[in-house]
Amino acid sequence: MQPPYNFNAGPAVLPKSVLEEAQRNLLDFNGTGMSILEISHRSKDFEAVVTEAEALAKELLSIPDNYRVLFLQGGASLQFSMVPMNFLAEGRTADYVLTGSWSEKALAEAEKTGSAHVAASGKVAGYKHIPTPAEIALSDDPVYVHITSNNTIYGTQWRDLPAFPGTPIVADMSSDMLSRPVNVADYAVIYAGLQKNAGPAGATMVIIRDDWLERCPKTLPTMLRYDVMAKNNSLYNTPPVFAIYISMLVMRWLKAGGGLGEMAKRNAAKARIVYDAIDGSGGFYVGHAEPGSRSVMNITFRVSDEEKEKEFLALAKAKGFVGLNGHRSVGGVRASTYNALPVEACEALAGLMREFRG
């Protein structure tokens, strides 16, 4: 069977070599005679997987020594709650920059815990652009400012990640984690569901500065405390063993491929192929995001005629393209061009777009 062109927004395409390695270990992992799905999370074999996964993340992202890398469950959606529960103390305010649906959800969870201030919002304009520094108005002495680095639904992305001197930054990087270099030292906390660029569904990576681990309230339920998870090396309870293992293999693949600098170049080149097809269509295809805010990870656009848009999506499906329907909340077309998507898929999509336009 010819593999489809997988443009799913997440869970998403994985490297073929990673899947083949996982296949080999599905029946006998590391000579144990047991599947990776069967081994104990307390075994030395799996502890080695977690240790390597953390080491690879630190190497790929050049994470300073005063940070921990945790592998948790619950996705970014649980992090929307855990961050304010651990760090939004009574009498303090957390600031949120709204750039799409997921940052709205993060704000809603923070408001259940304490005081949250909207420092900027692109909602009125349809989330077509990332706020400029001049549009961001922080509150007085916020405990942190929260951003979402890439917006899967609207197809916008911070080109240059912001800095707020004197104010800690918390970032949801779920849809562009490990797709480009990041100066981790600019952040107090980074979190990401790994099911887009770095693994299957089930694992969440949290990068957290050591001094912030000391702030976690002991009154919180144990499973919601970052310090407990760090003390137990992400093994306080049964973790998502298989998801962490696959993510470790993906990070090996990223390292072997030249690291995040090289991956960023490849991703930009893939996205350019599709954006060129949009921009060169004479208005037949209309991109959602403003050019200066366009995402390299999620390319969102409409076909100018609604009926033709339906025809385009039906044709794409018939020709083996998967996952091109826009999010159910906005419709349209969305092409997710994550790390493991080959450049040939973007070339095929651009070709289909030109063919359909005529």
Protein backbone atom coordinates (compact mmCIF):
# COMPACT_ATOMS: atom_id res chain seq x y z
CA MET A 1 0.00 0.00 0.00
CA GLN A 2 1.28 3.46 -0.92
CA PRO A 3 1.54 5.49 2.30
CA PRO A 4 -0.72 8.56 2.29
CA TYR A 5 0.55 12.10 2.51
CA ASN A 6 -0.10 12.61 6.22
CA PHE A 7 -0.88 16.26 7.00
CA ASN A 8 -2.69 15.47 10.26
CA ALA A 9 -2.41 18.12 12.96
CA GLY A 10 -1.76 15.63 15.74
CA PRO A 11 -1.27 12.80 16.36
CA ALA A 12 0.86 13.28 13.32
CA VAL A 13 3.38 11.71 10.97
CA LEU A 14 6.37 9.97 12.53
CA PRO A 15 9.74 9.15 10.94
CA LYS A 16 9.65 5.80 9.14
CA SER A 17 12.95 4.74 10.70
CA VAL A 18 11.51 5.36 14.16
CA LEU A 19 8.48 3.21 13.42
CA GLU A 20 10.73 0.47 12.09
CA GLU A 21 12.89 0.56 15.23
CA ALA A 22 9.77 0.40 17.39
CA GLN A 23 8.52 -2.52 15.33
CA ARG A 24 11.72 -4.44 16.02
CA ASN A 25 11.33 -3.84 19.76
CA LEU A 26 7.64 -4.57 19.90
CA LEU A 27 8.26 -8.27 20.58
CA ASP A 28 11.68 -8.17 22.24
CA PHE A 29 12.94 -4.94 23.76
CA ASN A 30 16.66 -4.70 24.42
CA GLY A 31 17.06 -8.47 24.67
CA THR A 32 14.61 -8.78 27.56
CA GLY A 33 12.35 -11.20 25.71
CA MET A 34 9.48 -8.84 26.50
CA SER A 35 7.80 -6.14 24.43
CA ILE A 36 8.46 -2.47 25.15
CA LEU A 37 4.73 -2.51 25.92
CA GLU A 38 5.25 -5.12 28.62
CA ILE A 39 8.35 -4.10 30.56
CA SER A 40 8.08 -2.57 34.02
CA HIS A 41 8.43 1.17 34.32
CA ARG A 42 10.60 0.44 37.37
CA SER A 43 13.02 -1.69 35.37
CA LYS A 44 16.56 -0.59 34.62
CA ASP A 45 15.77 -0.90 30.91
CA PHE A 46 13.02 1.70 31.05
CA GLU A 47 14.88 3.96 33.47
CA ALA A 48 17.58 4.07 30.80
CA VAL A 49 14.98 5.20 28.25
CA VAL A 50 13.84 8.10 30.46
CA THR A 51 17.43 9.07 31.22
CA GLU A 52 18.36 9.09 27.54
CA ALA A 53 15.22 11.02 26.61
CA GLU A 54 16.05 13.77 29.09
CA ALA A 55 19.69 13.85 27.98
CA LEU A 56 18.71 14.11 24.30
CA ALA A 57 16.24 16.92 25.00
CA LYS A 58 18.92 18.83 26.90
CA GLU A 59 21.42 18.32 24.09
CA LEU A 60 19.06 19.22 21.24
CA LEU A 61 17.76 22.37 22.95
CA SER A 62 21.04 23.28 24.71
CA ILE A 63 19.13 23.34 28.00
CA PRO A 64 21.13 24.90 30.86
CA ASP A 65 22.10 22.77 33.85
CA ASN A 66 19.63 24.53 36.16
CA TYR A 67 16.61 23.09 34.33
CA ARG A 68 14.86 19.73 34.55
CA VAL A 69 13.09 17.88 31.77
CA LEU A 70 9.98 16.00 32.87
CA PHE A 71 7.77 13.55 30.97
CA LEU A 72 4.20 13.77 32.21
CA GLN A 73 0.67 12.87 31.16
CA GLY A 74 -2.49 14.86 30.47
CA GLY A 75 -1.24 16.82 27.47
CA ALA A 76 -0.95 20.59 27.30
CA SER A 77 -4.54 20.79 28.54
CA LEU A 78 -3.49 19.59 31.99
CA GLN A 79 -0.61 22.07 31.94
CA PHE A 80 -3.15 24.87 31.49
CA SER A 81 -4.22 24.04 35.05
CA MET A 82 -0.95 22.86 36.59
CA VAL A 83 0.96 26.04 35.79
CA PRO A 84 -1.35 28.42 37.69
CA MET A 85 -2.01 25.89 40.45
CA ASN A 86 1.72 25.68 41.13
CA PHE A 87 2.77 29.28 40.51
CA LEU A 88 -0.16 31.72 40.61
CA ALA A 89 -0.08 32.57 44.29
CA GLU A 90 -2.83 34.46 46.08
CA GLY A 91 -2.47 38.20 45.59
CA ARG A 92 -0.47 37.83 42.37
CA THR A 93 -1.53 38.16 38.73
CA ALA A 94 -0.53 36.09 35.70
CA ASP A 95 -0.55 37.65 32.23
CA TYR A 96 -1.74 35.87 29.09
CA VAL A 97 -1.15 36.79 25.46
CA LEU A 98 -4.05 35.41 23.42
CA THR A 99 -3.16 34.22 19.94
CA GLY A 100 -5.72 31.47 19.40
CA SER A 101 -8.04 28.90 20.89
CA TRP A 102 -5.43 27.11 23.00
CA SER A 103 -4.23 30.29 24.69
CA GLU A 104 -7.90 31.07 25.43
CA LYS A 105 -8.23 27.69 27.12
CA ALA A 106 -5.05 28.31 29.13
CA LEU A 107 -6.44 31.65 30.30
CA ALA A 108 -9.76 30.08 31.31
CA GLU A 109 -7.98 27.56 33.54
CA ALA A 110 -5.83 30.25 35.14
CA GLU A 111 -8.93 32.27 35.97
CA LYS A 112 -10.22 29.33 38.00
CA THR A 113 -7.11 29.57 40.19
CA GLY A 114 -6.52 33.29 40.62
CA SER A 115 -6.12 36.65 38.94
CA ALA A 116 -5.32 36.57 35.22
CA HIS A 117 -4.79 39.56 32.95
CA VAL A 118 -5.09 39.60 29.15
CA ALA A 119 -1.93 41.40 28.05
CA ALA A 120 -2.86 41.27 24.36
CA SER A 121 -5.39 39.52 22.14
CA GLY A 122 -5.72 38.98 18.43
CA LYS A 123 -9.29 37.65 18.69
CA VAL A 124 -11.10 40.70 17.28
CA ALA A 125 -8.99 40.46 14.11
CA GLY A 126 -9.69 36.74 13.77
CA TYR A 127 -6.33 35.66 15.16
CA LYS A 128 -4.60 36.49 11.90
CA HIS A 129 -1.43 37.90 13.43
CA ILE A 130 0.87 37.64 16.43
CA PRO A 131 0.72 40.78 18.61
CA THR A 132 3.63 43.16 18.24
CA PRO A 133 5.53 44.33 21.33
CA ALA A 134 3.66 47.63 21.11
CA GLU A 135 0.34 45.76 21.40
CA ILE A 136 1.31 43.91 24.58
CA ALA A 137 0.48 45.66 27.85
CA LEU A 138 1.63 43.69 30.89
CA SER A 139 0.07 44.16 34.30
CA ASP A 140 2.09 45.49 37.22
CA ASP A 141 4.58 42.84 38.36
CA PRO A 142 2.98 39.69 36.88
CA VAL A 143 4.16 36.39 38.32
CA TYR A 144 4.59 35.18 34.74
CA VAL A 145 3.47 35.93 31.20
CA HIS A 146 2.07 33.01 29.22
CA ILE A 147 2.41 32.63 25.45
CA THR A 148 1.53 29.96 22.90
CA SER A 149 4.42 29.75 20.46
CA ASN A 150 2.46 28.27 17.54
CA ASN A 151 -1.26 28.18 16.87
CA THR A 152 -2.41 25.04 15.11
CA ILE A 153 -5.97 26.17 14.37
CA TYR A 154 -5.24 29.61 12.91
CA GLY A 155 -1.80 28.94 11.45
CA THR A 156 0.16 31.68 13.20
CA GLN A 157 3.51 31.45 14.96
CA TRP A 158 5.86 33.71 16.89
CA ARG A 159 8.69 34.18 14.38
CA ASP A 160 10.95 35.60 17.07
CA LEU A 161 10.01 34.39 20.51
CA PRO A 162 9.47 37.38 22.81
CA ALA A 163 11.43 38.55 25.81
CA PHE A 164 9.90 40.42 28.72
CA PRO A 165 12.84 41.66 30.79
CA GLY A 166 12.29 41.02 34.47
CA THR A 167 9.17 38.91 33.90
CA PRO A 168 9.30 35.10 33.77
CA ILE A 169 7.81 33.53 30.64
CA VAL A 170 5.77 30.34 30.51
CA ALA A 171 5.33 28.93 27.00
CA ASP A 172 3.07 26.33 25.49
CA MET A 173 5.18 24.97 22.62
CA SER A 174 3.06 21.94 21.85
CA SER A 175 2.99 22.35 18.08
CA ASP A 176 6.54 23.52 17.42
CA MET A 177 8.55 21.85 20.19
CA LEU A 178 11.83 20.49 18.80
CA SER A 179 11.15 22.02 15.37
CA ARG A 180 13.67 24.85 15.79
CA PRO A 181 16.29 26.10 18.26
CA VAL A 182 14.98 27.86 21.38
CA ASN A 183 16.86 29.86 23.98
CA VAL A 184 15.50 27.94 26.95
CA ALA A 185 17.18 30.32 29.41
CA ASP A 186 14.58 32.95 28.46
CA TYR A 187 11.82 30.81 30.02
CA ALA A 188 10.84 29.65 33.47
CA VAL A 189 8.62 26.86 32.13
CA ILE A 190 8.11 25.35 28.67
CA TYR A 191 5.56 22.63 28.12
CA ALA A 192 4.41 20.65 25.11
CA GLY A 193 2.31 17.70 24.14
CA LEU A 194 4.72 15.63 22.03
CA GLN A 195 2.21 14.18 19.56
CA LYS A 196 2.99 16.64 16.76
CA ASN A 197 6.75 16.95 16.22
CA ALA A 198 8.28 14.59 18.73
CA GLY A 199 6.28 11.43 19.34
CA PRO A 200 2.88 9.77 19.59
CA ALA A 201 -0.05 10.82 21.75
CA GLY A 202 0.35 10.30 25.48
CA ALA A 203 3.51 12.10 26.59
CA THR A 204 3.97 15.70 27.65
CA MET A 205 7.38 17.32 28.03
CA VAL A 206 7.89 20.00 30.67
CA ILE A 207 11.13 21.97 30.89
CA ILE A 208 11.27 23.80 34.20
CA ARG A 209 13.86 25.91 35.99
CA ASP A 210 15.11 24.55 39.30
CA ASP A 211 14.17 27.60 41.37
CA TRP A 212 10.58 27.29 40.18
CA LEU A 213 10.42 23.73 41.48
CA GLU A 214 10.95 25.19 44.95
CA ARG A 215 7.74 27.23 44.61
CA CYS A 216 5.34 24.30 44.23
CA PRO A 217 2.79 24.35 47.07
CA LYS A 218 2.80 21.25 49.24
CA THR A 219 -0.97 21.61 49.60
CA LEU A 220 -1.56 20.56 46.00
CA PRO A 221 -2.55 16.98 45.16
CA THR A 222 0.66 15.02 44.72
CA MET A 223 0.12 14.25 41.05
CA LEU A 224 -0.15 17.97 40.24
CA ARG A 225 3.19 18.98 41.78
CA TYR A 226 6.14 19.52 39.48
CA ASP A 227 8.61 19.11 42.34
CA VAL A 228 7.34 15.62 43.10
CA MET A 229 7.65 14.61 39.46
CA ALA A 230 11.17 16.03 39.29
CA LYS A 231 12.27 14.32 42.51
CA ASN A 232 11.09 11.00 41.09
CA ASN A 233 12.60 11.50 37.61
CA SER A 234 9.13 11.41 35.98
CA LEU A 235 8.54 7.98 37.55
CA TYR A 236 6.37 8.83 40.56
CA ASN A 237 3.57 6.74 39.07
CA THR A 238 3.28 4.62 35.95
CA PRO A 239 4.26 6.93 33.08
CA PRO A 240 3.24 6.61 29.41
CA VAL A 241 6.03 4.10 28.73
CA PHE A 242 5.52 3.59 25.01
CA ALA A 243 5.00 7.28 24.24
CA ILE A 244 8.20 8.25 26.06
CA TYR A 245 10.11 5.48 24.27
CA ILE A 246 8.95 6.66 20.83
CA SER A 247 9.75 10.27 21.73
CA MET A 248 13.26 9.16 22.72
CA LEU A 249 13.66 7.49 19.32
CA VAL A 250 12.43 10.66 17.56
CA MET A 251 15.02 12.71 19.43
CA ARG A 252 17.72 10.25 18.34
CA TRP A 253 16.47 10.79 14.77
CA LEU A 254 16.59 14.57 15.18
CA LYS A 255 20.15 14.40 16.49
CA ALA A 256 21.27 12.12 13.65
CA GLY A 257 19.67 14.51 11.16
CA GLY A 258 21.81 17.44 12.22
CA GLY A 259 19.89 18.84 15.17
CA LEU A 260 17.28 21.56 15.44
CA GLY A 261 19.10 24.13 13.31
CA GLU A 262 19.01 21.80 10.35
CA MET A 263 15.42 20.79 11.10
CA ALA A 264 14.36 24.45 11.17
CA LYS A 265 15.81 24.95 7.68
CA ARG A 266 14.02 21.88 6.35
CA ASN A 267 10.72 22.91 7.90
CA ALA A 268 10.97 26.45 6.50
CA ALA A 269 11.70 25.08 3.03
CA LYS A 270 8.71 22.71 3.19
CA ALA A 271 6.35 25.47 4.29
CA ARG A 272 7.65 27.81 1.59
CA ILE A 273 6.60 25.34 -1.10
CA VAL A 274 2.96 25.46 0.05
CA TYR A 275 2.90 29.20 0.76
CA ASP A 276 4.27 29.85 -2.73
CA ALA A 277 1.36 27.87 -4.15
CA ILE A 278 -1.06 30.05 -2.16
CA ASP A 279 0.61 33.35 -3.02
CA GLY A 280 0.98 32.46 -6.69
CA SER A 281 -2.66 31.51 -7.17
CA GLY A 282 -3.92 35.00 -7.99
CA GLY A 283 -6.38 34.92 -5.09
CA PHE A 284 -7.77 31.46 -5.85
CA TYR A 285 -6.30 30.33 -2.51
CA VAL A 286 -6.39 32.79 0.39
CA GLY A 287 -4.12 32.36 3.40
CA HIS A 288 -5.58 33.04 6.83
CA ALA A 289 -2.49 34.34 8.63
CA GLU A 290 -0.84 37.64 7.81
CA PRO A 291 2.51 37.02 6.07
CA GLY A 292 4.59 38.23 9.02
CA SER A 293 2.85 35.80 11.39
CA ARG A 294 2.63 32.72 9.20
CA SER A 295 3.29 29.40 10.86
CA VAL A 296 5.92 27.03 9.53
CA MET A 297 4.07 24.17 11.22
CA ASN A 298 0.40 24.68 10.26
CA ILE A 299 -0.52 26.32 6.96
CA THR A 300 -4.15 27.48 6.92
CA PHE A 301 -6.00 28.75 3.88
CA ARG A 302 -9.34 28.88 2.10
CA VAL A 303 -10.35 28.22 -1.46
CA SER A 304 -12.03 31.42 -2.63
CA ASP A 305 -15.21 29.59 -3.66
CA GLU A 306 -16.85 27.50 -0.91
CA GLU A 307 -18.12 24.81 -3.28
CA LYS A 308 -14.72 24.54 -4.93
CA GLU A 309 -13.16 24.18 -1.47
CA LYS A 310 -15.32 21.11 -0.87
CA GLU A 311 -14.29 19.76 -4.27
CA PHE A 312 -10.63 20.39 -3.51
CA LEU A 313 -10.76 18.55 -0.19
CA ALA A 314 -12.62 15.64 -1.78
CA LEU A 315 -10.06 15.42 -4.58
CA ALA A 316 -7.19 15.56 -2.11
CA LYS A 317 -8.68 12.72 -0.10
CA ALA A 318 -9.15 10.64 -3.22
CA LYS A 319 -5.52 11.19 -4.19
CA GLY A 320 -4.17 10.01 -0.82
CA PHE A 321 -3.86 13.25 1.15
CA VAL A 322 -4.86 12.88 4.80
CA GLY A 323 -5.71 15.53 7.40
CA LEU A 324 -6.17 18.58 5.18
CA ASN A 325 -9.55 19.63 6.58
CA GLY A 326 -9.27 22.71 8.78
CA HIS A 327 -10.15 22.52 12.46
CA ARG A 328 -13.87 22.00 12.98
CA SER A 329 -14.16 25.42 14.65
CA VAL A 330 -12.94 27.38 11.61
CA GLY A 331 -13.17 25.10 8.56
CA GLY A 332 -11.06 25.69 5.47
CA VAL A 333 -7.85 23.84 4.67
CA ARG A 334 -4.93 23.13 7.00
CA ALA A 335 -1.65 21.48 6.07
CA SER A 336 0.46 20.52 9.08
CA THR A 337 4.08 20.26 7.99
CA TYR A 338 5.72 18.83 11.09
CA ASN A 339 9.26 17.51 11.43
CA ALA A 340 8.72 14.04 9.99
CA LEU A 341 6.68 15.12 6.97
CA PRO A 342 8.87 14.62 3.88
CA VAL A 343 9.40 17.48 1.46
CA GLU A 344 7.81 15.32 -1.26
CA ALA A 345 4.46 15.62 0.51
CA CYS A 346 4.60 19.42 0.32
CA GLU A 347 5.63 19.26 -3.33
CA ALA A 348 2.72 16.93 -4.06
CA LEU A 349 0.27 19.23 -2.27
CA ALA A 350 1.52 22.29 -4.15
CA GLY A 351 1.21 20.35 -7.38
CA LEU A 352 -2.35 19.35 -6.57
CA MET A 353 -3.21 22.97 -5.74
CA ARG A 354 -1.88 24.17 -9.10
CA GLU A 355 -3.63 21.34 -10.94
CA PHE A 356 -6.99 22.05 -9.25
CA ARG A 357 -6.74 25.79 -9.87
CA GLY A 358 -6.16 25.12 -13.58
